[in-house]
């Protein structure tokens, strides 16, 4: 597994669920998200908090409280979601089992992993060395080893 499923996949699944069921205007409860994704609500809380701190979600308290998108769905990129998920700590679950996750997020993850694997297979250490030289980096001059007997 090249991409961290525990955090990234879960964060994308949560954000998709909120966008699909509430968007910018309506709130979605953490309990409803957890139920649809087949997760324990308690295990999702650190992720929801991290996404809120990053401004990707807004958290509203009260009887009609819950979560809604912090910005328009068109303005939220997957790289932002993945970055925010890195702040969430370890999650209890490793994969969501809801309909949106199975139909959209899991196939997307497989696609991303295939693209990443192909890109990694195409890059050699020699290319990285060329990039280092192009960036102006040079290996330190080594001194000859002197053995005295």
C-alpha atoms as a PDB file:
ATOM      1  CA  UNK A   1       0.000   0.000   0.000  1.00  0.00           C
ATOM      2  CA  UNK A   2       1.719   3.136  -1.197  1.00  0.00           C
ATOM      3  CA  UNK A   3      -0.840   5.652   0.035  1.00  0.00           C
ATOM      4  CA  UNK A   4      -1.744   5.741   3.724  1.00  0.00           C
ATOM      5  CA  UNK A   5      -5.225   4.245   3.727  1.00  0.00           C
ATOM      6  CA  UNK A   6      -5.867   4.799   7.419  1.00  0.00           C
ATOM      7  CA  UNK A   7      -5.867   8.556   7.283  1.00  0.00           C
ATOM      8  CA  UNK A   8      -6.094   9.714   3.714  1.00  0.00           C
ATOM      9  CA  UNK A   9      -8.774   7.353   2.503  1.00  0.00           C
ATOM     10  CA  UNK A  10     -10.856   7.978   5.590  1.00  0.00           C
ATOM     11  CA  UNK A  11     -10.490  11.754   5.280  1.00  0.00           C
ATOM     12  CA  UNK A  12     -11.560  11.702   1.636  1.00  0.00           C
ATOM     13  CA  UNK A  13     -14.508   9.427   2.481  1.00  0.00           C
ATOM     14  CA  UNK A  14     -15.614  11.728   5.323  1.00  0.00           C
ATOM     15  CA  UNK A  15     -15.305  14.872   3.201  1.00  0.00           C
ATOM     16  CA  UNK A  16     -17.193  13.233   0.328  1.00  0.00           C
ATOM     17  CA  UNK A  17     -19.947  12.123   2.700  1.00  0.00           C
ATOM     18  CA  UNK A  18     -20.341  15.649   4.081  1.00  0.00           C
ATOM     19  CA  UNK A  19     -20.274  17.204   0.596  1.00  0.00           C
ATOM     20  CA  UNK A  20     -22.798  14.666  -0.701  1.00  0.00           C
ATOM     21  CA  UNK A  21     -25.227  14.835   2.224  1.00  0.00           C
ATOM     22  CA  UNK A  22     -24.872  18.447   3.357  1.00  0.00           C
ATOM     23  CA  UNK A  23     -22.486  20.526   1.309  1.00  0.00           C
ATOM     24  CA  UNK A  24     -21.994  24.158   2.309  1.00  0.00           C
ATOM     25  CA  UNK A  25     -25.551  24.792   3.479  1.00  0.00           C
ATOM     26  CA  UNK A  26     -26.721  21.857   5.612  1.00  0.00           C
ATOM     27  CA  UNK A  27     -24.968  20.193   8.523  1.00  0.00           C
ATOM     28  CA  UNK A  28     -24.288  16.485   8.795  1.00  0.00           C
ATOM     29  CA  UNK A  29     -23.963  14.844  12.206  1.00  0.00           C
ATOM     30  CA  UNK A  30     -20.899  12.828  13.091  1.00  0.00           C
ATOM     31  CA  UNK A  31     -23.187   9.958  14.078  1.00  0.00           C
ATOM     32  CA  UNK A  32     -24.763   9.902  10.604  1.00  0.00           C
ATOM     33  CA  UNK A  33     -21.355  10.032   8.924  1.00  0.00           C
ATOM     34  CA  UNK A  34     -20.085   7.185  11.091  1.00  0.00           C
ATOM     35  CA  UNK A  35     -23.151   5.078  10.385  1.00  0.00           C
ATOM     36  CA  UNK A  36     -22.961   5.558   6.623  1.00  0.00           C
ATOM     37  CA  UNK A  37     -19.228   4.833   6.550  1.00  0.00           C
ATOM     38  CA  UNK A  38     -19.476   1.894   8.936  1.00  0.00           C
ATOM     39  CA  UNK A  39     -17.184   3.489  11.527  1.00  0.00           C
ATOM     40  CA  UNK A  40     -17.163   4.185  15.236  1.00  0.00           C
ATOM     41  CA  UNK A  41     -17.990   7.849  15.833  1.00  0.00           C
ATOM     42  CA  UNK A  42     -15.381   8.147  18.555  1.00  0.00           C
ATOM     43  CA  UNK A  43     -12.653   6.985  16.191  1.00  0.00           C
ATOM     44  CA  UNK A  44     -13.592   9.676  13.659  1.00  0.00           C
ATOM     45  CA  UNK A  45     -13.506  12.638  16.032  1.00  0.00           C
ATOM     46  CA  UNK A  46      -9.760  13.390  15.716  1.00  0.00           C
ATOM     47  CA  UNK A  47     -10.104  13.408  11.939  1.00  0.00           C
ATOM     48  CA  UNK A  48     -13.147  15.703  11.999  1.00  0.00           C
ATOM     49  CA  UNK A  49     -11.316  18.073  14.336  1.00  0.00           C
ATOM     50  CA  UNK A  50      -8.224  18.121  12.108  1.00  0.00           C
ATOM     51  CA  UNK A  51     -10.345  18.838   9.032  1.00  0.00           C
ATOM     52  CA  UNK A  52     -12.094  21.636  10.932  1.00  0.00           C
ATOM     53  CA  UNK A  53      -8.794  23.162  12.087  1.00  0.00           C
ATOM     54  CA  UNK A  54      -7.634  23.181   8.472  1.00  0.00           C
ATOM     55  CA  UNK A  55     -10.737  25.155   7.475  1.00  0.00           C
ATOM     56  CA  UNK A  56     -12.060  22.348   5.286  1.00  0.00           C
ATOM     57  CA  UNK A  57     -15.034  21.806   7.590  1.00  0.00           C
ATOM     58  CA  UNK A  58     -17.085  24.038   9.822  1.00  0.00           C
ATOM     59  CA  UNK A  59     -18.318  22.596  13.080  1.00  0.00           C
ATOM     60  CA  UNK A  60     -21.656  23.804  14.418  1.00  0.00           C
ATOM     61  CA  UNK A  61     -22.888  23.027  17.928  1.00  0.00           C
ATOM     62  CA  UNK A  62     -26.414  22.527  19.151  1.00  0.00           C
ATOM     63  CA  UNK A  63     -29.367  20.275  18.389  1.00  0.00           C
ATOM     64  CA  UNK A  64     -29.066  20.928  14.637  1.00  0.00           C
ATOM     65  CA  UNK A  65     -25.295  21.000  14.787  1.00  0.00           C
ATOM     66  CA  UNK A  66     -22.812  18.905  12.917  1.00  0.00           C
ATOM     67  CA  UNK A  67     -20.344  19.495  10.134  1.00  0.00           C
ATOM     68  CA  UNK A  68     -20.562  21.263   6.805  1.00  0.00           C
ATOM     69  CA  UNK A  69     -17.975  22.152   4.197  1.00  0.00           C
ATOM     70  CA  UNK A  70     -15.775  25.095   5.123  1.00  0.00           C
ATOM     71  CA  UNK A  71     -15.617  26.197   1.487  1.00  0.00           C
ATOM     72  CA  UNK A  72     -17.266  25.287  -1.765  1.00  0.00           C
ATOM     73  CA  UNK A  73     -16.601  21.711  -2.875  1.00  0.00           C
ATOM     74  CA  UNK A  74     -14.942  23.034  -6.050  1.00  0.00           C
ATOM     75  CA  UNK A  75     -12.416  24.906  -3.893  1.00  0.00           C
ATOM     76  CA  UNK A  76     -11.355  21.929  -1.777  1.00  0.00           C
ATOM     77  CA  UNK A  77      -8.564  19.820  -3.266  1.00  0.00           C
ATOM     78  CA  UNK A  78      -7.571  16.294  -2.306  1.00  0.00           C
ATOM     79  CA  UNK A  79      -4.050  17.382  -1.376  1.00  0.00           C
ATOM     80  CA  UNK A  80      -5.527  19.706   1.272  1.00  0.00           C
ATOM     81  CA  UNK A  81      -7.630  16.875   2.677  1.00  0.00           C
ATOM     82  CA  UNK A  82      -4.607  14.568   2.831  1.00  0.00           C
ATOM     83  CA  UNK A  83      -2.465  17.241   4.484  1.00  0.00           C
ATOM     84  CA  UNK A  84      -5.112  17.892   7.111  1.00  0.00           C
ATOM     85  CA  UNK A  85      -5.565  14.172   7.743  1.00  0.00           C
ATOM     86  CA  UNK A  86      -1.874  13.880   8.652  1.00  0.00           C
ATOM     87  CA  UNK A  87      -2.663  15.984  11.738  1.00  0.00           C
ATOM     88  CA  UNK A  88      -5.390  13.624  12.946  1.00  0.00           C
ATOM     89  CA  UNK A  89      -3.242  11.035  14.720  1.00  0.00           C
ATOM     90  CA  UNK A  90      -3.901   7.334  14.358  1.00  0.00           C
ATOM     91  CA  UNK A  91      -7.383   6.172  13.454  1.00  0.00           C
ATOM     92  CA  UNK A  92      -9.077   3.030  14.689  1.00  0.00           C
ATOM     93  CA  UNK A  93     -10.539   1.956  11.337  1.00  0.00           C
ATOM     94  CA  UNK A  94      -8.589   1.353   8.164  1.00  0.00           C
ATOM     95  CA  UNK A  95     -11.330   1.566   5.553  1.00  0.00           C
ATOM     96  CA  UNK A  96     -14.815   2.901   5.232  1.00  0.00           C
ATOM     97  CA  UNK A  97     -17.524   0.516   4.155  1.00  0.00           C
ATOM     98  CA  UNK A  98     -20.329   2.862   3.139  1.00  0.00           C
ATOM     99  CA  UNK A  99     -21.794   3.094  -0.351  1.00  0.00           C
ATOM    100  CA  UNK A 100     -19.934   6.291  -1.287  1.00  0.00           C
ATOM    101  CA  UNK A 101     -16.654   4.825  -0.073  1.00  0.00           C
ATOM    102  CA  UNK A 102     -17.125   1.598  -2.052  1.00  0.00           C
ATOM    103  CA  UNK A 103     -18.383   3.295  -5.207  1.00  0.00           C
ATOM    104  CA  UNK A 104     -16.124   6.350  -5.331  1.00  0.00           C
ATOM    105  CA  UNK A 105     -13.320   6.556  -2.766  1.00  0.00           C
ATOM    106  CA  UNK A 106     -11.905   3.012  -2.915  1.00  0.00           C
ATOM    107  CA  UNK A 107     -11.721   2.986  -6.749  1.00  0.00           C
ATOM    108  CA  UNK A 108     -10.114   6.451  -6.644  1.00  0.00           C
ATOM    109  CA  UNK A 109      -7.517   5.154  -4.174  1.00  0.00           C
ATOM    110  CA  UNK A 110      -6.722   2.208  -6.448  1.00  0.00           C
ATOM    111  CA  UNK A 111      -6.310   4.638  -9.355  1.00  0.00           C
ATOM    112  CA  UNK A 112      -3.999   6.911  -7.339  1.00  0.00           C
ATOM    113  CA  UNK A 113      -1.913   3.976  -6.130  1.00  0.00           C
ATOM    114  CA  UNK A 114      -1.492   2.702  -9.694  1.00  0.00           C
ATOM    115  CA  UNK A 115      -0.409   6.147 -10.910  1.00  0.00           C
ATOM    116  CA  UNK A 116       2.003   6.535  -8.012  1.00  0.00           C
ATOM    117  CA  UNK A 117       3.450   3.061  -8.531  1.00  0.00           C
ATOM    118  CA  UNK A 118       3.967   3.788 -12.244  1.00  0.00           C
ATOM    119  CA  UNK A 119       5.672   7.098 -11.497  1.00  0.00           C
ATOM    120  CA  UNK A 120       7.923   5.532  -8.846  1.00  0.00           C
ATOM    121  CA  UNK A 121       8.893   2.757 -11.264  1.00  0.00           C
ATOM    122  CA  UNK A 122       9.931   5.386 -13.809  1.00  0.00           C
ATOM    123  CA  UNK A 123      12.299   7.288 -11.503  1.00  0.00           C
ATOM    124  CA  UNK A 124      15.831   5.999 -10.932  1.00  0.00           C
ATOM    125  CA  UNK A 125      18.363   7.040  -8.355  1.00  0.00           C
ATOM    126  CA  UNK A 126      20.384   8.415 -11.239  1.00  0.00           C
ATOM    127  CA  UNK A 127      17.566  10.849 -12.034  1.00  0.00           C
ATOM    128  CA  UNK A 128      17.534  11.969  -8.397  1.00  0.00           C
ATOM    129  CA  UNK A 129      21.305  12.491  -8.561  1.00  0.00           C
ATOM    130  CA  UNK A 130      20.857  14.615 -11.709  1.00  0.00           C
ATOM    131  CA  UNK A 131      18.207  16.660  -9.911  1.00  0.00           C
ATOM    132  CA  UNK A 132      20.566  17.184  -6.985  1.00  0.00           C
ATOM    133  CA  UNK A 133      23.326  18.411  -9.321  1.00  0.00           C
ATOM    134  CA  UNK A 134      20.833  20.674 -11.149  1.00  0.00           C
ATOM    135  CA  UNK A 135      19.867  22.148  -7.777  1.00  0.00           C
ATOM    136  CA  UNK A 136      23.524  23.033  -7.219  1.00  0.00           C
ATOM    137  CA  UNK A 137      24.274  20.310  -4.687  1.00  0.00           C
ATOM    138  CA  UNK A 138      27.651  18.629  -4.789  1.00  0.00           C
ATOM    139  CA  UNK A 139      28.948  15.718  -2.745  1.00  0.00           C
ATOM    140  CA  UNK A 140      31.620  16.629  -0.202  1.00  0.00           C
ATOM    141  CA  UNK A 141      35.175  16.124  -1.392  1.00  0.00           C
ATOM    142  CA  UNK A 142      36.487  13.026   0.255  1.00  0.00           C
ATOM    143  CA  UNK A 143      39.949  12.906   1.703  1.00  0.00           C
ATOM    144  CA  UNK A 144      42.113   9.922   0.856  1.00  0.00           C
ATOM    145  CA  UNK A 145      42.416   7.437   3.668  1.00  0.00           C
ATOM    146  CA  UNK A 146      45.979   7.184   4.970  1.00  0.00           C
ATOM    147  CA  UNK A 147      47.002   3.957   6.668  1.00  0.00           C
ATOM    148  CA  UNK A 148      50.082   4.012   8.780  1.00  0.00           C
ATOM    149  CA  UNK A 149      51.589   0.776  10.036  1.00  0.00           C
END
